[in-house]
N, C-alpha and C. Protein backbone atom coordinates (compact mmCIF):
# COMPACT_ATOMS: atom_id res chain seq x y z
N MET A 1 0.85 -1.15 0.00
CA MET A 1 0.00 0.00 0.00
C MET A 1 0.90 1.22 0.00
N ARG A 2 0.59 2.23 -0.75
CA ARG A 2 1.41 3.44 -0.79
C ARG A 2 0.54 4.66 -0.46
N GLN A 3 1.12 5.57 0.27
CA GLN A 3 0.49 6.84 0.60
C GLN A 3 1.46 7.92 0.14
N ARG A 4 0.97 9.09 -0.24
CA ARG A 4 1.85 10.18 -0.67
C ARG A 4 1.44 11.47 0.01
N TRP A 5 2.46 12.29 0.26
CA TRP A 5 2.23 13.64 0.74
C TRP A 5 2.92 14.59 -0.21
N LYS A 6 2.31 15.70 -0.48
CA LYS A 6 2.94 16.76 -1.26
C LYS A 6 3.29 17.84 -0.25
N LEU A 7 4.55 18.03 0.03
CA LEU A 7 4.99 18.93 1.07
C LEU A 7 5.24 20.32 0.51
N SER A 8 4.81 21.35 1.27
CA SER A 8 5.09 22.71 0.85
C SER A 8 6.57 23.00 1.04
N GLY A 9 7.03 24.07 0.52
CA GLY A 9 8.46 24.40 0.57
C GLY A 9 9.08 23.98 -0.73
N GLY A 10 9.57 22.80 -0.83
CA GLY A 10 10.17 22.30 -2.06
C GLY A 10 9.20 21.46 -2.87
N LEU A 11 7.94 21.34 -2.42
CA LEU A 11 6.94 20.50 -3.09
C LEU A 11 7.49 19.09 -3.30
N LEU A 12 8.14 18.59 -2.26
CA LEU A 12 8.73 17.26 -2.28
C LEU A 12 7.64 16.21 -2.14
N ALA A 13 7.57 15.29 -3.07
CA ALA A 13 6.59 14.20 -2.97
C ALA A 13 7.22 13.10 -2.15
N LEU A 14 6.54 12.71 -1.09
CA LEU A 14 7.06 11.69 -0.19
C LEU A 14 6.07 10.54 -0.11
N ALA A 15 6.50 9.36 -0.47
CA ALA A 15 5.61 8.20 -0.41
C ALA A 15 6.05 7.29 0.72
N LEU A 16 5.08 6.76 1.44
CA LEU A 16 5.37 5.87 2.55
C LEU A 16 4.64 4.56 2.33
N SER A 17 5.39 3.51 2.21
CA SER A 17 4.80 2.20 1.98
C SER A 17 4.33 1.62 3.30
N LEU A 18 3.04 1.60 3.51
CA LEU A 18 2.52 1.12 4.77
C LEU A 18 2.61 -0.39 4.91
N SER A 19 2.80 -1.11 3.82
CA SER A 19 3.01 -2.54 3.99
C SER A 19 4.28 -2.78 4.77
N GLY A 20 5.20 -1.86 4.69
CA GLY A 20 6.43 -1.95 5.46
C GLY A 20 6.23 -1.54 6.90
N CYS A 21 5.08 -1.03 7.21
CA CYS A 21 4.80 -0.57 8.56
C CYS A 21 3.88 -1.54 9.27
N GLY A 22 3.56 -2.66 8.68
CA GLY A 22 2.73 -3.65 9.32
C GLY A 22 1.29 -3.66 8.83
N ALA A 23 0.95 -2.93 7.81
CA ALA A 23 -0.41 -2.89 7.32
C ALA A 23 -0.66 -4.03 6.35
N ALA A 24 -1.90 -4.43 6.25
CA ALA A 24 -2.28 -5.44 5.28
C ALA A 24 -2.22 -4.85 3.88
N GLU A 25 -1.94 -5.68 2.90
CA GLU A 25 -1.85 -5.21 1.51
C GLU A 25 -3.25 -4.87 1.01
N GLU A 26 -3.42 -3.68 0.49
CA GLU A 26 -4.67 -3.24 -0.07
C GLU A 26 -4.43 -2.00 -0.90
N SER A 27 -5.38 -1.64 -1.74
CA SER A 27 -5.22 -0.40 -2.50
C SER A 27 -5.58 0.75 -1.59
N SER A 28 -5.01 1.92 -1.86
CA SER A 28 -5.26 3.05 -1.00
C SER A 28 -5.23 4.33 -1.79
N PRO A 29 -5.87 5.38 -1.23
CA PRO A 29 -5.88 6.68 -1.89
C PRO A 29 -4.57 7.41 -1.67
N VAL A 30 -4.42 8.53 -2.36
CA VAL A 30 -3.27 9.40 -2.20
C VAL A 30 -3.69 10.54 -1.30
N ILE A 31 -2.82 10.90 -0.36
CA ILE A 31 -3.09 11.99 0.56
C ILE A 31 -2.19 13.15 0.19
N VAL A 32 -2.76 14.35 0.12
CA VAL A 32 -1.99 15.53 -0.22
C VAL A 32 -2.22 16.56 0.86
N GLY A 33 -1.14 17.18 1.35
CA GLY A 33 -1.24 18.20 2.38
C GLY A 33 0.08 18.93 2.49
N SER A 34 0.14 19.93 3.32
CA SER A 34 1.40 20.64 3.51
C SER A 34 2.09 20.13 4.75
N LEU A 35 3.40 20.34 4.83
CA LEU A 35 4.18 19.88 5.97
C LEU A 35 3.62 20.44 7.26
N SER A 36 3.20 21.69 7.28
CA SER A 36 2.69 22.28 8.51
C SER A 36 1.40 21.63 8.97
N THR A 37 0.63 21.07 8.07
CA THR A 37 -0.62 20.42 8.48
C THR A 37 -0.41 18.96 8.83
N LEU A 38 0.80 18.44 8.60
CA LEU A 38 1.06 17.04 8.89
C LEU A 38 1.88 16.87 10.17
N ALA A 39 1.88 17.85 11.04
CA ALA A 39 2.71 17.81 12.23
C ALA A 39 2.18 16.87 13.31
N ALA A 40 0.91 16.51 13.28
CA ALA A 40 0.36 15.65 14.33
C ALA A 40 -0.74 14.78 13.75
N ALA A 41 -0.94 13.65 14.39
CA ALA A 41 -1.96 12.70 13.92
C ALA A 41 -3.27 12.94 14.65
N PRO A 42 -4.36 13.19 13.93
CA PRO A 42 -5.64 13.34 14.60
C PRO A 42 -6.14 11.98 15.08
N ALA A 43 -6.88 11.98 16.17
CA ALA A 43 -7.42 10.73 16.70
C ALA A 43 -8.40 10.10 15.73
N ALA A 44 -9.26 10.90 15.13
CA ALA A 44 -10.22 10.40 14.15
C ALA A 44 -10.32 11.44 13.03
N PRO A 45 -9.51 11.29 11.99
CA PRO A 45 -9.45 12.33 10.96
C PRO A 45 -10.75 12.47 10.19
N ALA A 46 -11.08 13.71 9.85
CA ALA A 46 -12.21 13.95 8.96
C ALA A 46 -11.82 13.46 7.58
N THR A 47 -12.82 13.12 6.77
CA THR A 47 -12.51 12.61 5.44
C THR A 47 -13.29 13.37 4.38
N THR A 48 -12.76 13.31 3.15
CA THR A 48 -13.46 13.89 2.02
C THR A 48 -14.54 12.92 1.57
N ALA A 49 -15.29 13.29 0.56
CA ALA A 49 -16.34 12.42 0.03
C ALA A 49 -15.78 11.11 -0.50
N THR A 50 -14.51 11.10 -0.89
CA THR A 50 -13.88 9.87 -1.39
C THR A 50 -13.20 9.08 -0.29
N GLY A 51 -13.29 9.56 0.95
CA GLY A 51 -12.71 8.83 2.07
C GLY A 51 -11.29 9.24 2.41
N LEU A 52 -10.74 10.24 1.72
CA LEU A 52 -9.38 10.70 2.02
C LEU A 52 -9.36 11.50 3.32
N PRO A 53 -8.38 11.27 4.20
CA PRO A 53 -8.28 12.10 5.40
C PRO A 53 -7.99 13.55 5.03
N ILE A 54 -8.56 14.46 5.79
CA ILE A 54 -8.31 15.89 5.61
C ILE A 54 -7.40 16.33 6.74
N ALA A 55 -6.25 16.92 6.41
CA ALA A 55 -5.33 17.41 7.43
C ALA A 55 -5.97 18.59 8.15
N ASP A 56 -5.86 18.62 9.46
CA ASP A 56 -6.42 19.68 10.28
C ASP A 56 -5.34 20.72 10.55
N PRO A 57 -5.48 21.94 10.03
CA PRO A 57 -4.44 22.95 10.20
C PRO A 57 -4.22 23.33 11.65
N THR A 58 -5.17 23.07 12.54
CA THR A 58 -4.97 23.40 13.95
C THR A 58 -4.00 22.45 14.62
N LEU A 59 -3.65 21.35 13.98
CA LEU A 59 -2.74 20.38 14.57
C LEU A 59 -1.28 20.72 14.33
N SER A 60 -1.00 21.79 13.61
CA SER A 60 0.38 22.12 13.29
C SER A 60 1.13 22.68 14.48
N GLN A 61 0.45 23.08 15.55
CA GLN A 61 1.12 23.61 16.72
C GLN A 61 1.38 22.49 17.72
N ALA A 62 2.62 22.40 18.17
CA ALA A 62 2.98 21.40 19.17
C ALA A 62 2.36 21.79 20.51
N PRO A 63 1.89 20.82 21.27
CA PRO A 63 1.30 21.16 22.57
C PRO A 63 2.39 21.62 23.55
N ALA A 64 2.00 22.47 24.50
CA ALA A 64 2.93 22.97 25.51
C ALA A 64 3.15 21.95 26.61
N VAL A 65 2.21 21.03 26.78
CA VAL A 65 2.28 20.02 27.83
C VAL A 65 2.03 18.66 27.19
N ASP A 66 2.77 17.65 27.64
CA ASP A 66 2.56 16.29 27.15
C ASP A 66 1.41 15.68 27.93
N ASN A 67 0.24 15.62 27.31
CA ASN A 67 -0.96 15.09 27.97
C ASN A 67 -0.88 13.59 28.22
N TYR A 68 0.11 12.94 27.65
CA TYR A 68 0.26 11.48 27.80
C TYR A 68 1.54 11.13 28.55
N ALA A 69 2.13 12.08 29.26
CA ALA A 69 3.42 11.88 29.93
C ALA A 69 3.40 10.73 30.93
N ASP A 70 2.26 10.47 31.55
CA ASP A 70 2.18 9.42 32.55
C ASP A 70 1.66 8.09 31.99
N GLN A 71 1.57 8.00 30.66
CA GLN A 71 1.04 6.79 30.03
C GLN A 71 2.09 6.15 29.12
N PRO A 72 2.09 4.81 29.05
CA PRO A 72 3.01 4.16 28.11
C PRO A 72 2.59 4.46 26.67
N LEU A 73 3.58 4.59 25.79
CA LEU A 73 3.32 4.86 24.38
C LEU A 73 3.42 3.59 23.53
N ILE A 74 4.12 2.59 24.04
CA ILE A 74 4.30 1.32 23.33
C ILE A 74 3.67 0.21 24.17
N ASP A 75 2.77 -0.53 23.58
CA ASP A 75 2.11 -1.65 24.27
C ASP A 75 3.06 -2.83 24.41
N ARG A 76 3.67 -3.22 23.28
CA ARG A 76 4.58 -4.36 23.28
C ARG A 76 5.35 -4.38 21.97
N THR A 77 6.38 -5.21 21.95
CA THR A 77 7.14 -5.48 20.73
C THR A 77 7.19 -6.99 20.55
N GLU A 78 7.40 -7.41 19.33
CA GLU A 78 7.44 -8.84 19.03
C GLU A 78 8.40 -9.09 17.87
N TRP A 79 9.39 -9.94 18.09
CA TRP A 79 10.31 -10.31 17.02
C TRP A 79 9.71 -11.44 16.20
N THR A 80 9.80 -11.33 14.88
CA THR A 80 9.33 -12.38 13.98
C THR A 80 10.42 -12.61 12.92
N GLU A 81 10.27 -13.66 12.17
CA GLU A 81 11.17 -13.94 11.05
C GLU A 81 10.42 -13.64 9.76
N ALA A 82 11.08 -12.97 8.84
CA ALA A 82 10.52 -12.66 7.53
C ALA A 82 11.46 -13.19 6.47
N VAL A 83 11.07 -13.10 5.22
CA VAL A 83 11.86 -13.62 4.12
C VAL A 83 13.27 -13.02 4.09
N ASP A 84 13.41 -11.76 4.50
CA ASP A 84 14.71 -11.08 4.47
C ASP A 84 15.47 -11.17 5.79
N GLY A 85 14.84 -11.63 6.84
CA GLY A 85 15.51 -11.71 8.14
C GLY A 85 14.57 -11.32 9.26
N ARG A 86 15.17 -11.00 10.41
CA ARG A 86 14.37 -10.65 11.59
C ARG A 86 13.61 -9.35 11.39
N ARG A 87 12.46 -9.28 12.06
CA ARG A 87 11.60 -8.10 11.98
C ARG A 87 11.02 -7.87 13.37
N LEU A 88 11.06 -6.62 13.80
CA LEU A 88 10.46 -6.25 15.08
C LEU A 88 9.13 -5.57 14.81
N LEU A 89 8.06 -6.16 15.33
CA LEU A 89 6.74 -5.54 15.26
C LEU A 89 6.57 -4.68 16.50
N VAL A 90 6.27 -3.43 16.32
CA VAL A 90 6.08 -2.49 17.42
C VAL A 90 4.60 -2.12 17.47
N TYR A 91 3.99 -2.37 18.61
CA TYR A 91 2.56 -2.11 18.81
C TYR A 91 2.38 -0.89 19.71
N PRO A 92 1.98 0.25 19.15
CA PRO A 92 1.78 1.44 19.97
C PRO A 92 0.47 1.35 20.77
N THR A 93 0.43 2.03 21.90
CA THR A 93 -0.80 2.15 22.68
C THR A 93 -1.67 3.24 22.05
N ASP A 94 -2.88 3.42 22.57
CA ASP A 94 -3.72 4.53 22.10
C ASP A 94 -3.01 5.86 22.36
N ALA A 95 -2.36 5.99 23.51
CA ALA A 95 -1.61 7.22 23.81
C ALA A 95 -0.49 7.41 22.79
N GLY A 96 0.18 6.31 22.41
CA GLY A 96 1.25 6.38 21.42
C GLY A 96 0.76 6.77 20.05
N ARG A 97 -0.48 6.52 19.76
CA ARG A 97 -1.06 6.92 18.48
C ARG A 97 -1.43 8.39 18.46
N ARG A 98 -1.64 8.97 19.64
CA ARG A 98 -2.14 10.34 19.72
C ARG A 98 -1.12 11.38 20.18
N ASP A 99 -0.10 10.95 20.92
CA ASP A 99 0.83 11.89 21.53
C ASP A 99 1.66 12.60 20.47
N ASN A 100 1.52 13.92 20.39
CA ASN A 100 2.30 14.70 19.43
C ASN A 100 3.20 15.70 20.14
N PHE A 101 3.49 15.44 21.41
CA PHE A 101 4.44 16.28 22.14
C PHE A 101 5.82 16.09 21.50
N PRO A 102 6.60 17.17 21.38
CA PRO A 102 7.86 17.09 20.62
C PRO A 102 8.82 15.98 21.05
N THR A 103 8.88 15.61 22.31
CA THR A 103 9.82 14.58 22.75
C THR A 103 9.18 13.20 22.89
N ALA A 104 7.92 13.07 22.53
CA ALA A 104 7.23 11.78 22.72
C ALA A 104 7.82 10.67 21.87
N GLY A 105 8.26 10.96 20.67
CA GLY A 105 8.84 9.93 19.80
C GLY A 105 10.08 9.31 20.41
N GLU A 106 10.92 10.14 21.00
CA GLU A 106 12.13 9.61 21.64
C GLU A 106 11.77 8.81 22.88
N ARG A 107 10.78 9.27 23.64
CA ARG A 107 10.32 8.51 24.81
C ARG A 107 9.78 7.15 24.37
N ALA A 108 9.02 7.14 23.28
CA ALA A 108 8.47 5.88 22.76
C ALA A 108 9.61 4.94 22.33
N TRP A 109 10.65 5.48 21.68
CA TRP A 109 11.78 4.66 21.26
C TRP A 109 12.46 4.03 22.48
N GLN A 110 12.60 4.80 23.55
CA GLN A 110 13.20 4.26 24.76
C GLN A 110 12.35 3.12 25.33
N GLU A 111 11.03 3.22 25.21
CA GLU A 111 10.15 2.12 25.63
C GLU A 111 10.38 0.88 24.78
N VAL A 112 10.59 1.08 23.47
CA VAL A 112 10.90 -0.05 22.59
C VAL A 112 12.18 -0.73 23.08
N LEU A 113 13.21 0.05 23.40
CA LEU A 113 14.48 -0.51 23.82
C LEU A 113 14.39 -1.23 25.17
N VAL A 114 13.54 -0.76 26.06
CA VAL A 114 13.34 -1.46 27.33
C VAL A 114 12.71 -2.83 27.06
N ASP A 115 11.75 -2.87 26.15
CA ASP A 115 11.06 -4.12 25.83
C ASP A 115 11.91 -5.05 24.97
N SER A 116 12.69 -4.47 24.05
CA SER A 116 13.52 -5.25 23.12
C SER A 116 14.89 -4.58 22.99
N PRO A 117 15.78 -4.80 23.96
CA PRO A 117 17.09 -4.14 23.93
C PRO A 117 17.89 -4.45 22.66
N ASP A 118 17.66 -5.61 22.06
CA ASP A 118 18.40 -5.97 20.85
C ASP A 118 17.93 -5.18 19.63
N ALA A 119 16.96 -4.30 19.80
CA ALA A 119 16.53 -3.42 18.70
C ALA A 119 17.50 -2.25 18.50
N ASP A 120 18.41 -2.07 19.44
CA ASP A 120 19.35 -0.95 19.37
C ASP A 120 20.49 -1.27 18.41
N THR A 121 20.16 -1.29 17.13
CA THR A 121 21.13 -1.55 16.08
C THR A 121 21.10 -0.39 15.08
N PRO A 122 22.16 -0.22 14.29
CA PRO A 122 22.20 0.91 13.35
C PRO A 122 20.97 0.94 12.43
N GLY A 123 20.34 2.09 12.37
CA GLY A 123 19.21 2.29 11.47
C GLY A 123 17.85 2.02 12.07
N MET A 124 17.77 1.25 13.14
CA MET A 124 16.45 0.91 13.71
C MET A 124 15.75 2.14 14.29
N ARG A 125 16.49 3.02 14.98
CA ARG A 125 15.86 4.22 15.53
C ARG A 125 15.31 5.08 14.40
N ASP A 126 16.07 5.24 13.32
CA ASP A 126 15.58 6.03 12.19
C ASP A 126 14.31 5.44 11.61
N GLN A 127 14.24 4.11 11.48
CA GLN A 127 13.01 3.46 11.00
C GLN A 127 11.85 3.75 11.95
N PHE A 128 12.12 3.64 13.25
CA PHE A 128 11.06 3.88 14.24
C PHE A 128 10.55 5.31 14.17
N ILE A 129 11.47 6.28 14.18
CA ILE A 129 11.05 7.69 14.14
C ILE A 129 10.33 7.99 12.84
N CYS A 130 10.74 7.40 11.74
CA CYS A 130 10.03 7.56 10.47
C CYS A 130 8.59 7.08 10.61
N HIS A 131 8.41 5.92 11.22
CA HIS A 131 7.06 5.41 11.45
C HIS A 131 6.29 6.32 12.41
N TRP A 132 6.97 6.76 13.47
CA TRP A 132 6.33 7.63 14.46
C TRP A 132 5.84 8.93 13.82
N GLU A 133 6.69 9.53 13.00
CA GLU A 133 6.35 10.82 12.40
C GLU A 133 5.40 10.70 11.21
N TRP A 134 5.52 9.67 10.40
CA TRP A 134 4.78 9.60 9.14
C TRP A 134 3.69 8.53 9.11
N ALA A 135 3.98 7.33 9.52
CA ALA A 135 2.98 6.25 9.41
C ALA A 135 1.78 6.52 10.30
N ARG A 136 1.98 7.11 11.47
CA ARG A 136 0.84 7.41 12.35
C ARG A 136 -0.12 8.39 11.70
N LEU A 137 0.39 9.26 10.87
CA LEU A 137 -0.46 10.25 10.21
C LEU A 137 -1.35 9.63 9.15
N VAL A 138 -0.79 8.70 8.42
CA VAL A 138 -1.48 8.13 7.28
C VAL A 138 -2.49 7.07 7.72
N GLN A 139 -2.10 6.26 8.67
CA GLN A 139 -2.98 5.20 9.13
C GLN A 139 -2.85 5.08 10.66
N PRO A 140 -3.50 5.97 11.38
CA PRO A 140 -3.31 6.04 12.83
C PRO A 140 -3.76 4.80 13.60
N ASP A 141 -4.58 3.96 13.04
CA ASP A 141 -5.06 2.78 13.76
C ASP A 141 -4.41 1.48 13.33
N LYS A 142 -3.29 1.55 12.61
CA LYS A 142 -2.58 0.32 12.22
C LYS A 142 -2.17 -0.46 13.45
N PRO A 143 -2.26 -1.77 13.40
CA PRO A 143 -1.91 -2.56 14.58
C PRO A 143 -0.44 -2.44 14.99
N SER A 144 0.48 -2.47 14.01
CA SER A 144 1.90 -2.45 14.36
C SER A 144 2.72 -1.80 13.25
N TRP A 145 3.98 -1.49 13.61
CA TRP A 145 4.95 -0.98 12.65
C TRP A 145 6.09 -1.99 12.57
N ASN A 146 6.64 -2.21 11.38
CA ASN A 146 7.74 -3.15 11.19
C ASN A 146 9.07 -2.42 11.16
N LEU A 147 10.01 -2.93 11.93
CA LEU A 147 11.39 -2.42 11.92
C LEU A 147 12.29 -3.61 11.65
N GLU A 148 13.27 -3.44 10.75
CA GLU A 148 14.15 -4.54 10.40
C GLU A 148 15.61 -4.15 10.61
N PRO A 149 16.35 -4.91 11.45
CA PRO A 149 17.75 -4.58 11.70
C PRO A 149 18.66 -4.80 10.49
N TRP A 150 18.22 -5.57 9.51
CA TRP A 150 19.05 -5.83 8.33
C TRP A 150 19.00 -4.68 7.32
N ARG A 151 18.09 -3.75 7.50
CA ARG A 151 18.00 -2.62 6.56
C ARG A 151 19.21 -1.70 6.69
N SER A 152 19.52 -1.01 5.63
CA SER A 152 20.68 -0.10 5.59
C SER A 152 20.49 1.04 6.59
N ALA A 153 21.54 1.38 7.31
CA ALA A 153 21.56 2.54 8.20
C ALA A 153 22.03 3.73 7.37
N VAL A 154 21.08 4.51 6.85
CA VAL A 154 21.40 5.59 5.91
C VAL A 154 21.10 6.97 6.46
N GLY A 155 20.71 7.07 7.73
CA GLY A 155 20.33 8.34 8.32
C GLY A 155 18.83 8.57 8.18
N TYR A 156 18.32 9.48 9.00
CA TYR A 156 16.87 9.69 9.05
C TYR A 156 16.29 10.16 7.72
N GLN A 157 16.86 11.19 7.11
CA GLN A 157 16.26 11.73 5.89
C GLN A 157 16.21 10.69 4.78
N GLU A 158 17.28 9.92 4.61
CA GLU A 158 17.27 8.87 3.58
C GLU A 158 16.28 7.76 3.94
N THR A 159 16.10 7.50 5.24
CA THR A 159 15.10 6.51 5.67
C THR A 159 13.71 6.99 5.28
N VAL A 160 13.43 8.26 5.49
CA VAL A 160 12.14 8.83 5.08
C VAL A 160 12.00 8.76 3.57
N ASN A 161 13.07 9.14 2.85
CA ASN A 161 13.04 9.08 1.39
C ASN A 161 12.77 7.67 0.87
N ALA A 162 13.19 6.67 1.64
CA ALA A 162 12.98 5.27 1.27
C ALA A 162 11.67 4.73 1.85
N MET A 163 10.76 5.63 2.24
CA MET A 163 9.45 5.26 2.76
C MET A 163 9.56 4.39 4.00
N CYS A 164 10.53 4.71 4.85
CA CYS A 164 10.83 4.01 6.11
C CYS A 164 11.43 2.64 5.89
N ASN A 165 11.75 2.27 4.65
CA ASN A 165 12.26 0.96 4.32
C ASN A 165 13.56 1.04 3.50
N PRO A 166 14.64 1.60 4.08
CA PRO A 166 15.89 1.70 3.31
C PRO A 166 16.48 0.33 3.03
N GLY A 167 17.10 0.20 1.89
CA GLY A 167 17.78 -1.04 1.56
C GLY A 167 16.91 -2.08 0.88
N GLY A 168 15.73 -1.70 0.45
CA GLY A 168 14.90 -2.65 -0.28
C GLY A 168 13.44 -2.54 0.11
N PRO A 169 12.58 -3.03 -0.74
CA PRO A 169 11.13 -2.95 -0.48
C PRO A 169 10.70 -3.91 0.61
N GLU A 170 9.56 -3.66 1.16
CA GLU A 170 8.94 -4.57 2.13
C GLU A 170 8.40 -5.78 1.39
N ARG A 171 8.63 -6.94 1.96
CA ARG A 171 8.06 -8.18 1.38
C ARG A 171 7.25 -8.89 2.39
């Protein structure tokens, strides 16, 4: 499944393959919005007549207080084997799906490492933050996100450019 954003500024088209994030394979619409409107994931996004989520411009401001600071952001992690190697499934909590406080993504990553210390390998944090920042926006109710330690450690921006799946497509 592929989702796209058209970002203001450089009008950079960014596609995120949600099959690499743990979603079931299905056809999906294209989402278009500006970077400022994609800063946070709405709990229940409004949709157009065709079912496309509408970005809420009021979500572009980061909250002053983390309303989920006392709640876990990650429910659990689970290692599985895939055709290309090991894969870590990360299951966010409801709070983890909604928290858009600026430091929440790093706090969530630390929860992943407490649950699965062997996830601390080159490139895994970049994959996680890519999912945290982008996959939650496109499909906020996905059951899990996939992180693979065998993927190339290319830095955050290249991880985003590779739709959170550097080093090859999701299979």
